[in-house]
Amino acid sequence: MGSQLTLPPAADLPALIDLGIKAAAQFEALLAEEREILETRDSAALAELATRKQLALSELESLEARRCALLRSAAVANDADGMQTQLQRAEDRERWQHYLDLAGRCQQANMTNGAIIRLRHQQISDALAILSGARSETYGPAGNSRTATSRSLAKA
């Protein structure tokens, strides 16, 4: 993943889309790998993957910036209509839709992985609060929320 993709000439938007599909597919694979690592809780592997993930994101951002520049140079809007005017062949429009679908799956996988990370962080914070005797939210007999202090397990 570490190598930068060679960008096509300015007039070759379909080739740029193909590069975007390749980069997005690689990013999707990294997100799947991240999900597996989150399941195993391997922090060293997660840290290593974060570097590869950042490189992949940089590559996608570079390709997107190039695509936007191509649209600007053609004096069309950077929106669905602008892309449709630049993609004359049906197979190019299908490839663009494939890229958009892939990007949507990447976004969803990234959001899911982020939610898992936030949940794990909260679980660790809660466990540390219990161990340190910090204040924690508890529920009273009537089901209402109340703040309680507990003795630190280290002092017990």
N, C-alpha and C. Protein backbone atom coordinates (compact mmCIF):
# COMPACT_ATOMS: atom_id res chain seq x y z
N MET A 1 0.83 -1.19 0.00
CA MET A 1 0.00 0.00 0.00
C MET A 1 0.87 1.24 0.00
N GLY A 2 2.10 1.21 0.39
CA GLY A 2 2.93 2.37 0.57
C GLY A 2 3.23 3.14 -0.68
N SER A 3 3.09 2.58 -1.88
CA SER A 3 3.44 3.29 -3.09
C SER A 3 2.29 4.18 -3.53
N GLN A 4 2.65 5.35 -4.04
CA GLN A 4 1.65 6.27 -4.57
C GLN A 4 1.23 5.80 -5.95
N LEU A 5 -0.04 5.94 -6.25
CA LEU A 5 -0.54 5.57 -7.56
C LEU A 5 -0.15 6.64 -8.57
N THR A 6 0.17 6.24 -9.78
CA THR A 6 0.49 7.17 -10.84
C THR A 6 -0.80 7.76 -11.38
N LEU A 7 -0.87 9.10 -11.40
CA LEU A 7 -2.09 9.76 -11.84
C LEU A 7 -2.14 9.82 -13.36
N PRO A 8 -3.34 9.68 -13.92
CA PRO A 8 -3.51 9.75 -15.38
C PRO A 8 -3.43 11.18 -15.87
N PRO A 9 -3.30 11.38 -17.17
CA PRO A 9 -3.34 12.74 -17.72
C PRO A 9 -4.65 13.43 -17.36
N ALA A 10 -4.65 14.75 -17.39
CA ALA A 10 -5.80 15.54 -16.94
C ALA A 10 -7.10 15.16 -17.63
N ALA A 11 -7.06 14.76 -18.88
CA ALA A 11 -8.28 14.47 -19.62
C ALA A 11 -8.83 13.08 -19.36
N ASP A 12 -8.13 12.28 -18.58
CA ASP A 12 -8.53 10.88 -18.43
C ASP A 12 -9.24 10.63 -17.10
N LEU A 13 -10.42 11.20 -16.95
CA LEU A 13 -11.21 11.04 -15.74
C LEU A 13 -11.57 9.57 -15.47
N PRO A 14 -11.95 8.77 -16.49
CA PRO A 14 -12.24 7.36 -16.22
C PRO A 14 -11.05 6.60 -15.62
N ALA A 15 -9.84 6.90 -16.07
CA ALA A 15 -8.66 6.24 -15.49
C ALA A 15 -8.47 6.67 -14.04
N LEU A 16 -8.75 7.92 -13.75
CA LEU A 16 -8.66 8.41 -12.37
C LEU A 16 -9.68 7.71 -11.48
N ILE A 17 -10.87 7.49 -12.01
CA ILE A 17 -11.89 6.76 -11.26
C ILE A 17 -11.42 5.34 -10.97
N ASP A 18 -10.80 4.70 -11.96
CA ASP A 18 -10.28 3.34 -11.75
C ASP A 18 -9.24 3.32 -10.64
N LEU A 19 -8.37 4.34 -10.61
CA LEU A 19 -7.39 4.43 -9.53
C LEU A 19 -8.08 4.62 -8.18
N GLY A 20 -9.15 5.41 -8.18
CA GLY A 20 -9.92 5.62 -6.95
C GLY A 20 -10.56 4.34 -6.47
N ILE A 21 -11.07 3.54 -7.41
CA ILE A 21 -11.68 2.26 -7.05
C ILE A 21 -10.63 1.35 -6.42
N LYS A 22 -9.46 1.31 -7.03
CA LYS A 22 -8.38 0.47 -6.49
C LYS A 22 -7.98 0.92 -5.08
N ALA A 23 -7.81 2.22 -4.90
CA ALA A 23 -7.43 2.76 -3.60
C ALA A 23 -8.52 2.54 -2.56
N ALA A 24 -9.78 2.72 -2.94
CA ALA A 24 -10.89 2.53 -2.01
C ALA A 24 -11.03 1.05 -1.63
N ALA A 25 -10.80 0.16 -2.58
CA ALA A 25 -10.86 -1.28 -2.27
C ALA A 25 -9.76 -1.66 -1.29
N GLN A 26 -8.58 -1.07 -1.46
CA GLN A 26 -7.49 -1.33 -0.51
C GLN A 26 -7.84 -0.78 0.87
N PHE A 27 -8.46 0.38 0.90
CA PHE A 27 -8.87 0.97 2.18
C PHE A 27 -9.94 0.12 2.84
N GLU A 28 -10.87 -0.38 2.06
CA GLU A 28 -11.92 -1.27 2.60
C GLU A 28 -11.29 -2.51 3.21
N ALA A 29 -10.27 -3.06 2.57
CA ALA A 29 -9.58 -4.23 3.12
C ALA A 29 -8.89 -3.88 4.44
N LEU A 30 -8.31 -2.69 4.52
CA LEU A 30 -7.69 -2.25 5.78
C LEU A 30 -8.73 -2.11 6.89
N LEU A 31 -9.90 -1.61 6.55
CA LEU A 31 -10.97 -1.47 7.54
C LEU A 31 -11.44 -2.84 8.03
N ALA A 32 -11.49 -3.82 7.14
CA ALA A 32 -11.86 -5.18 7.55
C ALA A 32 -10.77 -5.75 8.46
N GLU A 33 -9.53 -5.48 8.12
CA GLU A 33 -8.42 -5.94 8.97
C GLU A 33 -8.49 -5.26 10.34
N GLU A 34 -8.81 -3.98 10.35
CA GLU A 34 -8.95 -3.25 11.61
C GLU A 34 -10.04 -3.87 12.47
N ARG A 35 -11.14 -4.22 11.86
CA ARG A 35 -12.25 -4.84 12.60
C ARG A 35 -11.81 -6.14 13.25
N GLU A 36 -11.06 -6.95 12.51
CA GLU A 36 -10.54 -8.21 13.06
C GLU A 36 -9.59 -7.95 14.22
N ILE A 37 -8.74 -6.95 14.07
CA ILE A 37 -7.79 -6.62 15.14
C ILE A 37 -8.54 -6.11 16.37
N LEU A 38 -9.60 -5.35 16.16
CA LEU A 38 -10.39 -4.88 17.29
C LEU A 38 -11.01 -6.05 18.05
N GLU A 39 -11.37 -7.10 17.33
CA GLU A 39 -11.93 -8.30 17.97
C GLU A 39 -10.89 -9.00 18.85
N THR A 40 -9.64 -9.00 18.38
CA THR A 40 -8.57 -9.69 19.14
C THR A 40 -7.93 -8.80 20.18
N ARG A 41 -8.21 -7.49 20.10
CA ARG A 41 -7.67 -6.50 21.04
C ARG A 41 -6.15 -6.46 21.03
N ASP A 42 -5.55 -6.57 19.86
CA ASP A 42 -4.10 -6.53 19.69
C ASP A 42 -3.68 -5.08 19.45
N SER A 43 -3.27 -4.39 20.52
CA SER A 43 -2.97 -2.97 20.42
C SER A 43 -1.75 -2.69 19.55
N ALA A 44 -0.76 -3.55 19.54
CA ALA A 44 0.42 -3.34 18.69
C ALA A 44 0.03 -3.43 17.22
N ALA A 45 -0.78 -4.41 16.87
CA ALA A 45 -1.23 -4.55 15.47
C ALA A 45 -2.11 -3.38 15.08
N LEU A 46 -2.91 -2.90 16.01
CA LEU A 46 -3.79 -1.77 15.74
C LEU A 46 -2.97 -0.50 15.47
N ALA A 47 -1.92 -0.30 16.25
CA ALA A 47 -1.05 0.87 16.04
C ALA A 47 -0.36 0.80 14.68
N GLU A 48 0.11 -0.38 14.30
CA GLU A 48 0.76 -0.55 13.00
C GLU A 48 -0.23 -0.31 11.88
N LEU A 49 -1.44 -0.80 12.05
CA LEU A 49 -2.47 -0.63 11.03
C LEU A 49 -2.86 0.84 10.89
N ALA A 50 -2.84 1.58 11.97
CA ALA A 50 -3.20 3.00 11.91
C ALA A 50 -2.30 3.75 10.94
N THR A 51 -1.03 3.39 10.90
CA THR A 51 -0.10 4.03 9.96
C THR A 51 -0.48 3.71 8.52
N ARG A 52 -0.76 2.44 8.25
CA ARG A 52 -1.15 2.05 6.89
C ARG A 52 -2.49 2.68 6.51
N LYS A 53 -3.38 2.77 7.45
CA LYS A 53 -4.69 3.37 7.20
C LYS A 53 -4.54 4.86 6.86
N GLN A 54 -3.65 5.56 7.57
CA GLN A 54 -3.43 6.98 7.29
C GLN A 54 -2.84 7.17 5.89
N LEU A 55 -1.92 6.31 5.50
CA LEU A 55 -1.35 6.39 4.14
C LEU A 55 -2.44 6.17 3.09
N ALA A 56 -3.30 5.20 3.33
CA ALA A 56 -4.39 4.92 2.38
C ALA A 56 -5.33 6.11 2.28
N LEU A 57 -5.64 6.73 3.41
CA LEU A 57 -6.51 7.92 3.39
C LEU A 57 -5.86 9.06 2.63
N SER A 58 -4.57 9.24 2.82
CA SER A 58 -3.85 10.30 2.10
C SER A 58 -3.91 10.05 0.60
N GLU A 59 -3.78 8.81 0.20
CA GLU A 59 -3.85 8.47 -1.21
C GLU A 59 -5.24 8.78 -1.78
N LEU A 60 -6.28 8.40 -1.03
CA LEU A 60 -7.64 8.68 -1.47
C LEU A 60 -7.89 10.19 -1.55
N GLU A 61 -7.40 10.94 -0.59
CA GLU A 61 -7.57 12.39 -0.61
C GLU A 61 -6.85 13.01 -1.81
N SER A 62 -5.69 12.51 -2.13
CA SER A 62 -4.94 13.00 -3.29
C SER A 62 -5.71 12.74 -4.59
N LEU A 63 -6.25 11.55 -4.71
CA LEU A 63 -7.04 11.22 -5.91
C LEU A 63 -8.29 12.08 -5.99
N GLU A 64 -8.92 12.31 -4.87
CA GLU A 64 -10.13 13.13 -4.85
C GLU A 64 -9.79 14.58 -5.23
N ALA A 65 -8.68 15.08 -4.72
CA ALA A 65 -8.27 16.45 -5.08
C ALA A 65 -8.01 16.55 -6.58
N ARG A 66 -7.42 15.53 -7.15
CA ARG A 66 -7.14 15.52 -8.59
C ARG A 66 -8.46 15.47 -9.39
N ARG A 67 -9.41 14.68 -8.93
CA ARG A 67 -10.70 14.60 -9.60
C ARG A 67 -11.40 15.96 -9.55
N CYS A 68 -11.38 16.61 -8.41
CA CYS A 68 -12.00 17.93 -8.27
C CYS A 68 -11.31 18.94 -9.20
N ALA A 69 -9.99 18.86 -9.31
CA ALA A 69 -9.25 19.76 -10.20
C ALA A 69 -9.64 19.52 -11.66
N LEU A 70 -9.85 18.26 -12.02
CA LEU A 70 -10.28 17.95 -13.39
C LEU A 70 -11.64 18.57 -13.68
N LEU A 71 -12.54 18.50 -12.74
CA LEU A 71 -13.87 19.09 -12.93
C LEU A 71 -13.77 20.62 -13.04
N ARG A 72 -12.94 21.21 -12.18
CA ARG A 72 -12.76 22.67 -12.25
C ARG A 72 -12.18 23.08 -13.59
N SER A 73 -11.18 22.32 -14.07
CA SER A 73 -10.56 22.67 -15.35
C SER A 73 -11.55 22.53 -16.51
N ALA A 74 -12.55 21.68 -16.34
CA ALA A 74 -13.58 21.52 -17.37
C ALA A 74 -14.74 22.50 -17.15
N ALA A 75 -14.63 23.33 -16.11
CA ALA A 75 -15.64 24.33 -15.77
C ALA A 75 -17.01 23.70 -15.50
N VAL A 76 -16.99 22.56 -14.76
CA VAL A 76 -18.25 21.94 -14.35
C VAL A 76 -18.26 21.83 -12.82
N ALA A 77 -19.45 21.73 -12.28
CA ALA A 77 -19.61 21.64 -10.82
C ALA A 77 -19.12 20.30 -10.30
N ASN A 78 -18.63 20.31 -9.07
CA ASN A 78 -18.18 19.09 -8.40
C ASN A 78 -19.39 18.46 -7.72
N ASP A 79 -20.29 17.94 -8.53
CA ASP A 79 -21.49 17.28 -8.01
C ASP A 79 -21.88 16.17 -8.97
N ALA A 80 -22.98 15.52 -8.69
CA ALA A 80 -23.42 14.39 -9.53
C ALA A 80 -23.64 14.81 -10.97
N ASP A 81 -24.25 15.97 -11.17
CA ASP A 81 -24.50 16.44 -12.54
C ASP A 81 -23.19 16.72 -13.27
N GLY A 82 -22.26 17.35 -12.56
CA GLY A 82 -20.96 17.64 -13.17
C GLY A 82 -20.23 16.38 -13.60
N MET A 83 -20.28 15.36 -12.74
CA MET A 83 -19.64 14.09 -13.10
C MET A 83 -20.34 13.45 -14.29
N GLN A 84 -21.65 13.48 -14.30
CA GLN A 84 -22.39 12.87 -15.41
C GLN A 84 -22.07 13.53 -16.74
N THR A 85 -21.86 14.85 -16.73
CA THR A 85 -21.53 15.53 -17.99
C THR A 85 -20.14 15.15 -18.48
N GLN A 86 -19.26 14.77 -17.57
CA GLN A 86 -17.89 14.42 -17.96
C GLN A 86 -17.75 12.95 -18.33
N LEU A 87 -18.67 12.13 -17.88
CA LEU A 87 -18.59 10.69 -18.15
C LEU A 87 -19.58 10.36 -19.27
N GLN A 88 -19.07 10.27 -20.47
CA GLN A 88 -19.92 10.08 -21.64
C GLN A 88 -20.38 8.63 -21.82
N ARG A 89 -19.52 7.69 -21.52
CA ARG A 89 -19.86 6.28 -21.76
C ARG A 89 -20.59 5.69 -20.55
N ALA A 90 -21.53 4.81 -20.83
CA ALA A 90 -22.32 4.18 -19.77
C ALA A 90 -21.42 3.40 -18.81
N GLU A 91 -20.39 2.71 -19.35
CA GLU A 91 -19.51 1.93 -18.46
C GLU A 91 -18.71 2.85 -17.53
N ASP A 92 -18.41 4.07 -17.97
CA ASP A 92 -17.72 5.02 -17.08
C ASP A 92 -18.64 5.47 -15.95
N ARG A 93 -19.90 5.71 -16.30
CA ARG A 93 -20.87 6.09 -15.26
C ARG A 93 -21.09 4.95 -14.28
N GLU A 94 -21.09 3.72 -14.77
CA GLU A 94 -21.22 2.54 -13.89
C GLU A 94 -20.01 2.42 -12.97
N ARG A 95 -18.81 2.68 -13.50
CA ARG A 95 -17.59 2.63 -12.68
C ARG A 95 -17.64 3.72 -11.60
N TRP A 96 -18.13 4.89 -11.95
CA TRP A 96 -18.27 5.97 -10.98
C TRP A 96 -19.24 5.57 -9.88
N GLN A 97 -20.36 4.95 -10.25
CA GLN A 97 -21.32 4.50 -9.25
C GLN A 97 -20.71 3.42 -8.36
N HIS A 98 -19.92 2.53 -8.95
CA HIS A 98 -19.22 1.51 -8.18
C HIS A 98 -18.28 2.17 -7.16
N TYR A 99 -17.57 3.20 -7.59
CA TYR A 99 -16.68 3.93 -6.69
C TYR A 99 -17.48 4.56 -5.54
N LEU A 100 -18.60 5.18 -5.86
CA LEU A 100 -19.44 5.80 -4.82
C LEU A 100 -19.96 4.76 -3.83
N ASP A 101 -20.37 3.60 -4.35
CA ASP A 101 -20.84 2.52 -3.47
C ASP A 101 -19.73 2.04 -2.56
N LEU A 102 -18.55 1.87 -3.12
CA LEU A 102 -17.39 1.43 -2.35
C LEU A 102 -17.03 2.45 -1.27
N ALA A 103 -17.07 3.72 -1.63
CA ALA A 103 -16.78 4.78 -0.66
C ALA A 103 -17.82 4.76 0.47
N GLY A 104 -19.07 4.51 0.14
CA GLY A 104 -20.12 4.41 1.16
C GLY A 104 -19.88 3.25 2.11
N ARG A 105 -19.45 2.11 1.56
CA ARG A 105 -19.15 0.96 2.42
C ARG A 105 -17.96 1.27 3.33
N CYS A 106 -16.97 1.96 2.80
CA CYS A 106 -15.80 2.35 3.61
C CYS A 106 -16.23 3.27 4.75
N GLN A 107 -17.08 4.23 4.42
CA GLN A 107 -17.55 5.16 5.44
C GLN A 107 -18.30 4.42 6.55
N GLN A 108 -19.16 3.49 6.17
CA GLN A 108 -19.92 2.73 7.16
C GLN A 108 -19.00 1.86 8.02
N ALA A 109 -18.05 1.18 7.39
CA ALA A 109 -17.11 0.33 8.15
C ALA A 109 -16.27 1.18 9.09
N ASN A 110 -15.85 2.35 8.64
CA ASN A 110 -15.04 3.22 9.49
C ASN A 110 -15.85 3.72 10.68
N MET A 111 -17.12 4.04 10.45
CA MET A 111 -17.99 4.47 11.56
C MET A 111 -18.21 3.33 12.55
N THR A 112 -18.39 2.12 12.06
CA THR A 112 -18.58 0.96 12.94
C THR A 112 -17.33 0.72 13.78
N ASN A 113 -16.16 0.75 13.13
CA ASN A 113 -14.91 0.54 13.86
C ASN A 113 -14.71 1.64 14.91
N GLY A 114 -15.05 2.87 14.55
CA GLY A 114 -14.94 3.97 15.50
C GLY A 114 -15.86 3.77 16.70
N ALA A 115 -17.06 3.27 16.46
CA ALA A 115 -17.99 3.01 17.57
C ALA A 115 -17.45 1.93 18.49
N ILE A 116 -16.84 0.90 17.91
CA ILE A 116 -16.23 -0.16 18.73
C ILE A 116 -15.11 0.41 19.58
N ILE A 117 -14.29 1.26 18.98
CA ILE A 117 -13.17 1.86 19.72
C ILE A 117 -13.70 2.73 20.86
N ARG A 118 -14.73 3.54 20.59
CA ARG A 118 -15.31 4.39 21.65
C ARG A 118 -15.90 3.54 22.77
N LEU A 119 -16.57 2.45 22.42
CA LEU A 119 -17.16 1.57 23.42
C LEU A 119 -16.07 0.95 24.30
N ARG A 120 -15.01 0.46 23.67
CA ARG A 120 -13.91 -0.13 24.44
C ARG A 120 -13.26 0.90 25.35
N HIS A 121 -13.10 2.12 24.84
CA HIS A 121 -12.52 3.18 25.65
C HIS A 121 -13.40 3.46 26.86
N GLN A 122 -14.71 3.50 26.66
CA GLN A 122 -15.62 3.74 27.77
C GLN A 122 -15.56 2.60 28.79
N GLN A 123 -15.47 1.36 28.32
CA GLN A 123 -15.38 0.22 29.22
C GLN A 123 -14.11 0.30 30.07
N ILE A 124 -13.01 0.68 29.45
CA ILE A 124 -11.75 0.82 30.18
C ILE A 124 -11.84 1.95 31.20
N SER A 125 -12.42 3.07 30.77
CA SER A 125 -12.59 4.20 31.70
C SER A 125 -13.45 3.82 32.89
N ASP A 126 -14.54 3.10 32.64
CA ASP A 126 -15.42 2.66 33.72
C ASP A 126 -14.70 1.71 34.67
N ALA A 127 -13.92 0.80 34.11
CA ALA A 127 -13.18 -0.15 34.95
C ALA A 127 -12.15 0.58 35.80
N LEU A 128 -11.46 1.55 35.22
CA LEU A 128 -10.47 2.32 35.98
C LEU A 128 -11.15 3.14 37.08
N ALA A 129 -12.33 3.67 36.80
CA ALA A 129 -13.06 4.44 37.80
C ALA A 129 -13.44 3.56 38.99
N ILE A 130 -13.85 2.34 38.70
CA ILE A 130 -14.21 1.41 39.77
C ILE A 130 -12.98 1.05 40.59
N LEU A 131 -11.88 0.75 39.91
CA LEU A 131 -10.65 0.38 40.62
C LEU A 131 -10.09 1.51 41.46
N SER A 132 -10.23 2.74 41.00
CA SER A 132 -9.66 3.88 41.72
C SER A 132 -10.61 4.44 42.76
N GLY A 133 -11.84 3.98 42.77
CA GLY A 133 -12.81 4.49 43.74
C GLY A 133 -13.39 5.83 43.34
N ALA A 134 -13.24 6.18 42.08
CA ALA A 134 -13.80 7.45 41.59
C ALA A 134 -15.31 7.38 41.62
N ARG A 135 -15.91 8.53 41.55
CA ARG A 135 -17.37 8.59 41.55
C ARG A 135 -17.91 7.93 40.30
N SER A 136 -19.02 7.27 40.44
CA SER A 136 -19.66 6.64 39.28
C SER A 136 -21.16 6.82 39.38
N GLU A 137 -21.82 6.78 38.25
CA GLU A 137 -23.28 6.88 38.19
C GLU A 137 -23.86 5.52 38.56
N THR A 138 -24.78 5.52 39.47
CA THR A 138 -25.50 4.30 39.81
C THR A 138 -26.98 4.62 39.82
N TYR A 139 -27.78 3.61 39.95
CA TYR A 139 -29.23 3.79 39.99
C TYR A 139 -29.73 3.39 41.37
N GLY A 140 -30.64 4.20 41.89
CA GLY A 140 -31.22 3.92 43.18
C GLY A 140 -32.34 2.90 43.07
N PRO A 141 -32.94 2.51 44.20
CA PRO A 141 -34.00 1.51 44.21
C PRO A 141 -35.21 1.90 43.35
N ALA A 142 -35.46 3.19 43.20
CA ALA A 142 -36.59 3.64 42.41
C ALA A 142 -36.25 3.77 40.92
N GLY A 143 -35.00 3.44 40.56
CA GLY A 143 -34.58 3.51 39.17
C GLY A 143 -34.05 4.87 38.76
N ASN A 144 -34.03 5.81 39.74
CA ASN A 144 -33.50 7.12 39.40
C ASN A 144 -31.97 7.13 39.51
N SER A 145 -31.36 8.04 38.76
CA SER A 145 -29.90 8.12 38.73
C SER A 145 -29.41 8.82 39.99
N ARG A 146 -28.32 8.31 40.54
CA ARG A 146 -27.70 8.98 41.68
C ARG A 146 -26.20 8.78 41.59
N THR A 147 -25.49 9.70 42.10
CA THR A 147 -24.04 9.62 42.11
C THR A 147 -23.61 9.03 43.43
N ALA A 148 -22.73 8.05 43.34
CA ALA A 148 -22.26 7.40 44.55
C ALA A 148 -20.75 7.30 44.51
N THR A 149 -20.16 7.23 45.70
CA THR A 149 -18.72 6.98 45.76
C THR A 149 -18.54 5.58 46.29
N SER A 150 -17.50 4.97 45.87
CA SER A 150 -17.19 3.65 46.36
C SER A 150 -15.77 3.63 46.86
N ARG A 151 -15.49 2.68 47.73
CA ARG A 151 -14.12 2.53 48.20
C ARG A 151 -13.28 1.98 47.09
N SER A 152 -12.09 2.47 46.97
CA SER A 152 -11.17 1.95 45.97
C SER A 152 -10.89 0.50 46.26
N LEU A 153 -10.88 -0.33 45.24
CA LEU A 153 -10.56 -1.74 45.43
C LEU A 153 -9.14 -1.90 45.98
N ALA A 154 -8.30 -0.93 45.67
CA ALA A 154 -6.92 -1.00 46.18
C ALA A 154 -6.91 -0.81 47.69
N LYS A 155 -7.93 -0.14 48.26
CA LYS A 155 -8.00 0.10 49.68
C LYS A 155 -8.83 -0.96 50.42
N ALA A 156 -9.53 -1.76 49.67
CA ALA A 156 -10.43 -2.74 50.28
C ALA A 156 -9.69 -3.87 50.96
